[in-house]
């Protein structure tokens, strides 16, 4: 029981530390948001139906979503006859 409580407290503490603004005073200045060009500088652009950026250093694949108000048909399998 004590072990469960300690693990829960450690997890809550780590989540709090990862939140934006955690540990800053009330008068802290907010950081400005980076543009897509600044954020993807040095990454390989993969143009297609969706614009993708491949970060070779970290192995991350970034998806750029430019249209939020349109529908997109997402299918996870093939149609059966």
PDB file of N, CA and C in Angstrom:
ATOM      1  N   UNK A   1       0.834  -1.195   0.000  1.00  0.00           N
ATOM      2  CA  UNK A   1       0.000   0.000   0.000  1.00  0.00           C
ATOM      3  C   UNK A   1       0.877   1.257   0.000  1.00  0.00           C
ATOM      4  N   UNK A   2       1.879   1.271   0.856  1.00  0.00           N
ATOM      5  CA  UNK A   2       2.777   2.420   0.928  1.00  0.00           C
ATOM      6  C   UNK A   2       3.553   2.593  -0.378  1.00  0.00           C
ATOM      7  N   UNK A   3       3.934   1.466  -0.985  1.00  0.00           N
ATOM      8  CA  UNK A   3       4.663   1.519  -2.255  1.00  0.00           C
ATOM      9  C   UNK A   3       3.784   2.140  -3.339  1.00  0.00           C
ATOM     10  N   UNK A   4       2.502   1.798  -3.378  1.00  0.00           N
ATOM     11  CA  UNK A   4       1.574   2.355  -4.363  1.00  0.00           C
ATOM     12  C   UNK A   4       1.422   3.854  -4.186  1.00  0.00           C
ATOM     13  N   UNK A   5       1.338   4.305  -2.953  1.00  0.00           N
ATOM     14  CA  UNK A   5       1.196   5.732  -2.669  1.00  0.00           C
ATOM     15  C   UNK A   5       2.457   6.485  -3.103  1.00  0.00           C
ATOM     16  N   UNK A   6       3.623   5.925  -2.803  1.00  0.00           N
ATOM     17  CA  UNK A   6       4.874   6.575  -3.183  1.00  0.00           C
ATOM     18  C   UNK A   6       5.028   6.661  -4.707  1.00  0.00           C
ATOM     19  N   UNK A   7       4.683   5.595  -5.413  1.00  0.00           N
ATOM     20  CA  UNK A   7       4.769   5.609  -6.867  1.00  0.00           C
ATOM     21  C   UNK A   7       3.796   6.643  -7.438  1.00  0.00           C
ATOM     22  N   UNK A   8       2.589   6.718  -6.879  1.00  0.00           N
ATOM     23  CA  UNK A   8       1.601   7.698  -7.339  1.00  0.00           C
ATOM     24  C   UNK A   8       2.103   9.123  -7.132  1.00  0.00           C
ATOM     25  N   UNK A   9       2.704   9.395  -5.988  1.00  0.00           N
ATOM     26  CA  UNK A   9       3.229  10.729  -5.714  1.00  0.00           C
ATOM     27  C   UNK A   9       4.384  11.073  -6.655  1.00  0.00           C
ATOM     28  N   UNK A  10       5.234  10.112  -6.952  1.00  0.00           N
ATOM     29  CA  UNK A  10       6.331  10.360  -7.884  1.00  0.00           C
ATOM     30  C   UNK A  10       5.809  10.654  -9.285  1.00  0.00           C
ATOM     31  N   UNK A  11       4.796   9.912  -9.717  1.00  0.00           N
ATOM     32  CA  UNK A  11       4.218  10.156 -11.039  1.00  0.00           C
ATOM     33  C   UNK A  11       3.559  11.525 -11.114  1.00  0.00           C
ATOM     34  N   UNK A  12       2.818  11.892 -10.067  1.00  0.00           N
ATOM     35  CA  UNK A  12       2.183  13.207 -10.057  1.00  0.00           C
ATOM     36  C   UNK A  12       3.221  14.319 -10.060  1.00  0.00           C
ATOM     37  N   UNK A  13       4.288  14.134  -9.330  1.00  0.00           N
ATOM     38  CA  UNK A  13       5.355  15.128  -9.307  1.00  0.00           C
ATOM     39  C   UNK A  13       6.023  15.278 -10.660  1.00  0.00           C
ATOM     40  N   UNK A  14       6.249  14.160 -11.353  1.00  0.00           N
ATOM     41  CA  UNK A  14       6.885  14.243 -12.666  1.00  0.00           C
ATOM     42  C   UNK A  14       5.948  14.860 -13.695  1.00  0.00           C
ATOM     43  N   UNK A  15       4.647  14.608 -13.601  1.00  0.00           N
ATOM     44  CA  UNK A  15       3.691  15.231 -14.509  1.00  0.00           C
ATOM     45  C   UNK A  15       3.630  16.736 -14.287  1.00  0.00           C
ATOM     46  N   UNK A  16       3.660  17.150 -13.036  1.00  0.00           N
ATOM     47  CA  UNK A  16       3.621  18.574 -12.720  1.00  0.00           C
ATOM     48  C   UNK A  16       4.870  19.275 -13.253  1.00  0.00           C
ATOM     49  N   UNK A  17       6.011  18.615 -13.157  1.00  0.00           N
ATOM     50  CA  UNK A  17       7.263  19.216 -13.619  1.00  0.00           C
ATOM     51  C   UNK A  17       7.297  19.369 -15.131  1.00  0.00           C
ATOM     52  N   UNK A  18       6.542  18.547 -15.871  1.00  0.00           N
ATOM     53  CA  UNK A  18       6.553  18.603 -17.330  1.00  0.00           C
ATOM     54  C   UNK A  18       5.554  19.600 -17.881  1.00  0.00           C
ATOM     55  N   UNK A  19       4.652  20.125 -17.052  1.00  0.00           N
ATOM     56  CA  UNK A  19       3.648  21.067 -17.529  1.00  0.00           C
ATOM     57  C   UNK A  19       4.299  22.395 -17.895  1.00  0.00           C
ATOM     58  N   UNK A  20       3.813  23.017 -18.983  1.00  0.00           N
ATOM     59  CA  UNK A  20       4.344  24.341 -19.324  1.00  0.00           C
ATOM     60  C   UNK A  20       4.048  25.325 -18.200  1.00  0.00           C
ATOM     61  N   UNK A  21       5.034  26.063 -17.815  1.00  0.00           N
ATOM     62  CA  UNK A  21       4.849  27.059 -16.772  1.00  0.00           C
ATOM     63  C   UNK A  21       5.107  26.526 -15.367  1.00  0.00           C
ATOM     64  N   UNK A  22       5.359  25.234 -15.239  1.00  0.00           N
ATOM     65  CA  UNK A  22       5.599  24.666 -13.920  1.00  0.00           C
ATOM     66  C   UNK A  22       6.916  25.197 -13.364  1.00  0.00           C
ATOM     67  N   UNK A  23       6.894  25.616 -12.131  1.00  0.00           N
ATOM     68  CA  UNK A  23       8.094  26.107 -11.480  1.00  0.00           C
ATOM     69  C   UNK A  23       8.401  27.561 -11.767  1.00  0.00           C
ATOM     70  N   UNK A  24       7.574  28.231 -12.561  1.00  0.00           N
ATOM     71  CA  UNK A  24       7.805  29.643 -12.844  1.00  0.00           C
ATOM     72  C   UNK A  24       7.001  30.490 -11.871  1.00  0.00           C
ATOM     73  N   UNK A  25       7.490  31.657 -11.611  1.00  0.00           N
ATOM     74  CA  UNK A  25       6.764  32.585 -10.761  1.00  0.00           C
ATOM     75  C   UNK A  25       5.599  33.209 -11.508  1.00  0.00           C
ATOM     76  N   UNK A  26       4.770  33.949 -10.794  1.00  0.00           N
ATOM     77  CA  UNK A  26       3.591  34.563 -11.399  1.00  0.00           C
ATOM     78  C   UNK A  26       3.973  35.616 -12.432  1.00  0.00           C
ATOM     79  N   UNK A  27       5.145  36.222 -12.299  1.00  0.00           N
ATOM     80  CA  UNK A  27       5.546  37.284 -13.216  1.00  0.00           C
ATOM     81  C   UNK A  27       6.423  36.806 -14.367  1.00  0.00           C
ATOM     82  N   UNK A  28       6.468  35.497 -14.601  1.00  0.00           N
ATOM     83  CA  UNK A  28       7.329  34.971 -15.666  1.00  0.00           C
ATOM     84  C   UNK A  28       6.793  35.361 -17.044  1.00  0.00           C
ATOM     85  N   UNK A  29       7.718  35.601 -17.964  1.00  0.00           N
ATOM     86  CA  UNK A  29       7.352  35.988 -19.318  1.00  0.00           C
ATOM     87  C   UNK A  29       7.106  34.724 -20.142  1.00  0.00           C
ATOM     88  N   UNK A  30       5.987  34.680 -20.863  1.00  0.00           N
ATOM     89  CA  UNK A  30       5.672  33.527 -21.706  1.00  0.00           C
ATOM     90  C   UNK A  30       6.588  33.513 -22.929  1.00  0.00           C
ATOM     91  N   UNK A  31       7.025  32.316 -23.328  1.00  0.00           N
ATOM     92  CA  UNK A  31       7.873  32.194 -24.503  1.00  0.00           C
ATOM     93  C   UNK A  31       7.010  32.250 -25.753  1.00  0.00           C
ATOM     94  N   UNK A  32       7.573  32.784 -26.826  1.00  0.00           N
ATOM     95  CA  UNK A  32       6.812  32.895 -28.060  1.00  0.00           C
ATOM     96  C   UNK A  32       6.786  31.542 -28.757  1.00  0.00           C
ATOM     97  N   UNK A  33       5.719  31.287 -29.499  1.00  0.00           N
ATOM     98  CA  UNK A  33       5.555  30.047 -30.240  1.00  0.00           C
ATOM     99  C   UNK A  33       6.358  30.106 -31.531  1.00  0.00           C
ATOM    100  N   UNK A  34       7.061  29.026 -31.851  1.00  0.00           N
ATOM    101  CA  UNK A  34       7.872  28.958 -33.070  1.00  0.00           C
ATOM    102  C   UNK A  34       6.981  28.763 -34.287  1.00  0.00           C
ATOM    103  N   UNK A  35       7.393  29.293 -35.426  1.00  0.00           N
ATOM    104  CA  UNK A  35       6.686  29.058 -36.673  1.00  0.00           C
ATOM    105  C   UNK A  35       7.044  27.665 -37.183  1.00  0.00           C
ATOM    106  N   UNK A  36       6.285  27.174 -38.167  1.00  0.00           N
ATOM    107  CA  UNK A  36       6.566  25.858 -38.739  1.00  0.00           C
ATOM    108  C   UNK A  36       7.955  25.847 -39.373  1.00  0.00           C
ATOM    109  N   UNK A  37       8.318  26.927 -40.063  1.00  0.00           N
ATOM    110  CA  UNK A  37       9.638  27.002 -40.698  1.00  0.00           C
ATOM    111  C   UNK A  37      10.763  26.953 -39.669  1.00  0.00           C
ATOM    112  N   UNK A  38      10.586  27.633 -38.538  1.00  0.00           N
ATOM    113  CA  UNK A  38      11.608  27.603 -37.486  1.00  0.00           C
ATOM    114  C   UNK A  38      11.694  26.221 -36.850  1.00  0.00           C
ATOM    115  N   UNK A  39      10.553  25.616 -36.602  1.00  0.00           N
ATOM    116  CA  UNK A  39      10.509  24.321 -35.917  1.00  0.00           C
ATOM    117  C   UNK A  39      11.075  23.194 -36.784  1.00  0.00           C
ATOM    118  N   UNK A  40      10.890  23.291 -38.110  1.00  0.00           N
ATOM    119  CA  UNK A  40      11.300  22.212 -39.004  1.00  0.00           C
ATOM    120  C   UNK A  40      12.604  22.505 -39.734  1.00  0.00           C
ATOM    121  N   UNK A  41      13.337  23.518 -39.310  1.00  0.00           N
ATOM    122  CA  UNK A  41      14.618  23.856 -39.949  1.00  0.00           C
ATOM    123  C   UNK A  41      15.569  22.667 -39.847  1.00  0.00           C
ATOM    124  N   UNK A  42      16.126  22.258 -40.976  1.00  0.00           N
ATOM    125  CA  UNK A  42      17.066  21.148 -41.002  1.00  0.00           C
ATOM    126  C   UNK A  42      16.415  19.786 -41.149  1.00  0.00           C
ATOM    127  N   UNK A  43      15.084  19.726 -41.208  1.00  0.00           N
ATOM    128  CA  UNK A  43      14.388  18.453 -41.383  1.00  0.00           C
ATOM    129  C   UNK A  43      14.094  18.227 -42.858  1.00  0.00           C
ATOM    130  N   UNK A  44      13.919  16.970 -43.228  1.00  0.00           N
ATOM    131  CA  UNK A  44      13.606  16.613 -44.610  1.00  0.00           C
ATOM    132  C   UNK A  44      12.096  16.708 -44.814  1.00  0.00           C
ATOM    133  N   UNK A  45      11.649  17.501 -45.810  1.00  0.00           N
ATOM    134  CA  UNK A  45      10.216  17.642 -46.083  1.00  0.00           C
ATOM    135  C   UNK A  45       9.773  16.549 -47.038  1.00  0.00           C
ATOM    136  N   UNK A  46       8.678  15.857 -46.691  1.00  0.00           N
ATOM    137  CA  UNK A  46       8.090  14.822 -47.529  1.00  0.00           C
ATOM    138  C   UNK A  46       6.714  15.329 -47.947  1.00  0.00           C
ATOM    139  N   UNK A  47       6.623  15.827 -49.178  1.00  0.00           N
ATOM    140  CA  UNK A  47       5.383  16.415 -49.656  1.00  0.00           C
ATOM    141  C   UNK A  47       4.486  15.333 -50.239  1.00  0.00           C
ATOM    142  N   UNK A  48       3.195  15.430 -49.984  1.00  0.00           N
ATOM    143  CA  UNK A  48       2.227  14.468 -50.492  1.00  0.00           C
ATOM    144  C   UNK A  48       0.829  14.922 -50.116  1.00  0.00           C
ATOM    145  N   UNK A  49      -0.080  13.970 -49.884  1.00  0.00           N
ATOM    146  CA  UNK A  49      -1.443  14.314 -49.481  1.00  0.00           C
ATOM    147  C   UNK A  49      -1.406  15.117 -48.179  1.00  0.00           C
ATOM    148  N   UNK A  50      -0.543  14.699 -47.253  1.00  0.00           N
ATOM    149  CA  UNK A  50      -0.250  15.463 -46.045  1.00  0.00           C
ATOM    150  C   UNK A  50       1.221  15.851 -46.103  1.00  0.00           C
ATOM    151  N   UNK A  51       1.552  17.033 -45.611  1.00  0.00           N
ATOM    152  CA  UNK A  51       2.943  17.457 -45.564  1.00  0.00           C
ATOM    153  C   UNK A  51       3.587  16.859 -44.311  1.00  0.00           C
ATOM    154  N   UNK A  52       4.699  16.169 -44.508  1.00  0.00           N
ATOM    155  CA  UNK A  52       5.418  15.532 -43.411  1.00  0.00           C
ATOM    156  C   UNK A  52       6.835  16.074 -43.346  1.00  0.00           C
ATOM    157  N   UNK A  53       7.386  16.092 -42.142  1.00  0.00           N
ATOM    158  CA  UNK A  53       8.791  16.452 -41.937  1.00  0.00           C
ATOM    159  C   UNK A  53       9.453  15.323 -41.169  1.00  0.00           C
ATOM    160  N   UNK A  54      10.597  14.854 -41.669  1.00  0.00           N
ATOM    161  CA  UNK A  54      11.347  13.776 -41.061  1.00  0.00           C
ATOM    162  C   UNK A  54      12.581  14.359 -40.380  1.00  0.00           C
ATOM    163  N   UNK A  55      12.676  14.138 -39.060  1.00  0.00           N
ATOM    164  CA  UNK A  55      13.830  14.591 -38.285  1.00  0.00           C
ATOM    165  C   UNK A  55      14.788  13.415 -38.140  1.00  0.00           C
ATOM    166  N   UNK A  56      15.878  13.446 -38.882  1.00  0.00           N
ATOM    167  CA  UNK A  56      16.833  12.343 -38.903  1.00  0.00           C
ATOM    168  C   UNK A  56      17.516  12.185 -37.544  1.00  0.00           C
ATOM    169  N   UNK A  57      17.816  13.299 -36.877  1.00  0.00           N
ATOM    170  CA  UNK A  57      18.546  13.251 -35.604  1.00  0.00           C
ATOM    171  C   UNK A  57      17.780  12.500 -34.520  1.00  0.00           C
ATOM    172  N   UNK A  58      16.464  12.757 -34.415  1.00  0.00           N
ATOM    173  CA  UNK A  58      15.672  12.148 -33.339  1.00  0.00           C
ATOM    174  C   UNK A  58      14.813  10.983 -33.799  1.00  0.00           C
ATOM    175  N   UNK A  59      14.627  10.833 -35.121  1.00  0.00           N
ATOM    176  CA  UNK A  59      13.778   9.763 -35.630  1.00  0.00           C
ATOM    177  C   UNK A  59      12.301  10.091 -35.552  1.00  0.00           C
ATOM    178  N   UNK A  60      11.964  11.372 -35.394  1.00  0.00           N
ATOM    179  CA  UNK A  60      10.566  11.789 -35.299  1.00  0.00           C
ATOM    180  C   UNK A  60      10.012  12.151 -36.660  1.00  0.00           C
ATOM    181  N   UNK A  61       8.725  11.885 -36.845  1.00  0.00           N
ATOM    182  CA  UNK A  61       8.017  12.249 -38.057  1.00  0.00           C
ATOM    183  C   UNK A  61       6.938  13.250 -37.657  1.00  0.00           C
ATOM    184  N   UNK A  62       6.979  14.451 -38.230  1.00  0.00           N
ATOM    185  CA  UNK A  62       6.050  15.521 -37.890  1.00  0.00           C
ATOM    186  C   UNK A  62       5.028  15.692 -39.006  1.00  0.00           C
ATOM    187  N   UNK A  63       3.753  15.779 -38.659  1.00  0.00           N
ATOM    188  CA  UNK A  63       2.659  15.965 -39.602  1.00  0.00           C
ATOM    189  C   UNK A  63       2.156  17.392 -39.497  1.00  0.00           C
ATOM    190  N   UNK A  64       2.045  18.081 -40.641  1.00  0.00           N
ATOM    191  CA  UNK A  64       1.532  19.451 -40.672  1.00  0.00           C
ATOM    192  C   UNK A  64       0.068  19.397 -41.089  1.00  0.00           C
ATOM    193  N   UNK A  65      -0.815  19.878 -40.219  1.00  0.00           N
ATOM    194  CA  UNK A  65      -2.246  19.917 -40.507  1.00  0.00           C
ATOM    195  C   UNK A  65      -2.614  21.368 -40.786  1.00  0.00           C
ATOM    196  N   UNK A  66      -3.029  21.640 -42.022  1.00  0.00           N
ATOM    197  CA  UNK A  66      -3.344  23.017 -42.399  1.00  0.00           C
ATOM    198  C   UNK A  66      -4.842  23.275 -42.468  1.00  0.00           C
ATOM    199  N   UNK A  67      -5.662  22.239 -42.638  1.00  0.00           N
ATOM    200  CA  UNK A  67      -7.109  22.413 -42.755  1.00  0.00           C
ATOM    201  C   UNK A  67      -7.775  21.644 -41.610  1.00  0.00           C
ATOM    202  N   UNK A  68      -8.386  22.362 -40.682  1.00  0.00           N
ATOM    203  CA  UNK A  68      -9.013  21.723 -39.536  1.00  0.00           C
ATOM    204  C   UNK A  68     -10.512  21.515 -39.721  1.00  0.00           C
ATOM    205  N   UNK A  69     -11.147  22.267 -40.623  1.00  0.00           N
ATOM    206  CA  UNK A  69     -12.596  22.235 -40.727  1.00  0.00           C
ATOM    207  C   UNK A  69     -13.100  21.333 -41.855  1.00  0.00           C
ATOM    208  N   UNK A  70     -12.275  20.447 -42.382  1.00  0.00           N
ATOM    209  CA  UNK A  70     -12.742  19.573 -43.451  1.00  0.00           C
ATOM    210  C   UNK A  70     -12.721  18.122 -42.979  1.00  0.00           C
ATOM    211  N   UNK A  71     -13.560  17.300 -43.615  1.00  0.00           N
ATOM    212  CA  UNK A  71     -13.640  15.890 -43.273  1.00  0.00           C
ATOM    213  C   UNK A  71     -12.568  15.102 -44.016  1.00  0.00           C
ATOM    214  N   UNK A  72     -12.103  14.043 -43.380  1.00  0.00           N
ATOM    215  CA  UNK A  72     -11.134  13.162 -43.997  1.00  0.00           C
ATOM    216  C   UNK A  72     -11.551  11.744 -43.687  1.00  0.00           C
ATOM    217  N   UNK A  73     -11.643  10.911 -44.713  1.00  0.00           N
ATOM    218  CA  UNK A  73     -12.054   9.518 -44.541  1.00  0.00           C
ATOM    219  C   UNK A  73     -10.844   8.685 -44.176  1.00  0.00           C
ATOM    220  N   UNK A  74     -10.802   8.212 -42.951  1.00  0.00           N
ATOM    221  CA  UNK A  74      -9.691   7.405 -42.467  1.00  0.00           C
ATOM    222  C   UNK A  74     -10.149   5.954 -42.374  1.00  0.00           C
ATOM    223  N   UNK A  75      -9.460   5.061 -43.049  1.00  0.00           N
ATOM    224  CA  UNK A  75      -9.823   3.659 -43.056  1.00  0.00           C
ATOM    225  C   UNK A  75      -8.644   2.830 -42.551  1.00  0.00           C
ATOM    226  N   UNK A  76      -8.930   1.854 -41.695  1.00  0.00           N
ATOM    227  CA  UNK A  76      -7.846   1.049 -41.160  1.00  0.00           C
ATOM    228  C   UNK A  76      -7.801  -0.351 -41.771  1.00  0.00           C
ATOM    229  N   UNK A  77      -8.602  -0.609 -42.794  1.00  0.00           N
ATOM    230  CA  UNK A  77      -8.591  -1.932 -43.411  1.00  0.00           C
ATOM    231  C   UNK A  77      -9.077  -1.880 -44.839  1.00  0.00           C
ATOM    232  N   UNK A  78      -9.021  -3.012 -45.505  1.00  0.00           N
ATOM    233  CA  UNK A  78      -9.486  -3.099 -46.874  1.00  0.00           C
ATOM    234  C   UNK A  78     -10.959  -3.478 -46.896  1.00  0.00           C
ATOM    235  N   UNK A  79     -11.662  -3.026 -47.913  1.00  0.00           N
ATOM    236  CA  UNK A  79     -13.070  -3.355 -48.058  1.00  0.00           C
ATOM    237  C   UNK A  79     -13.227  -4.813 -48.454  1.00  0.00           C
ATOM    238  N   UNK A  80     -14.248  -5.453 -47.915  1.00  0.00           N
ATOM    239  CA  UNK A  80     -14.528  -6.860 -48.240  1.00  0.00           C
ATOM    240  C   UNK A  80     -15.517  -6.919 -49.403  1.00  0.00           C
ATOM    241  N   UNK A  81     -15.370  -7.916 -50.268  1.00  0.00           N
ATOM    242  CA  UNK A  81     -16.276  -8.069 -51.413  1.00  0.00           C
ATOM    243  C   UNK A  81     -17.485  -8.810 -51.000  1.00  0.00           C
TER     244      UNK A  81
END
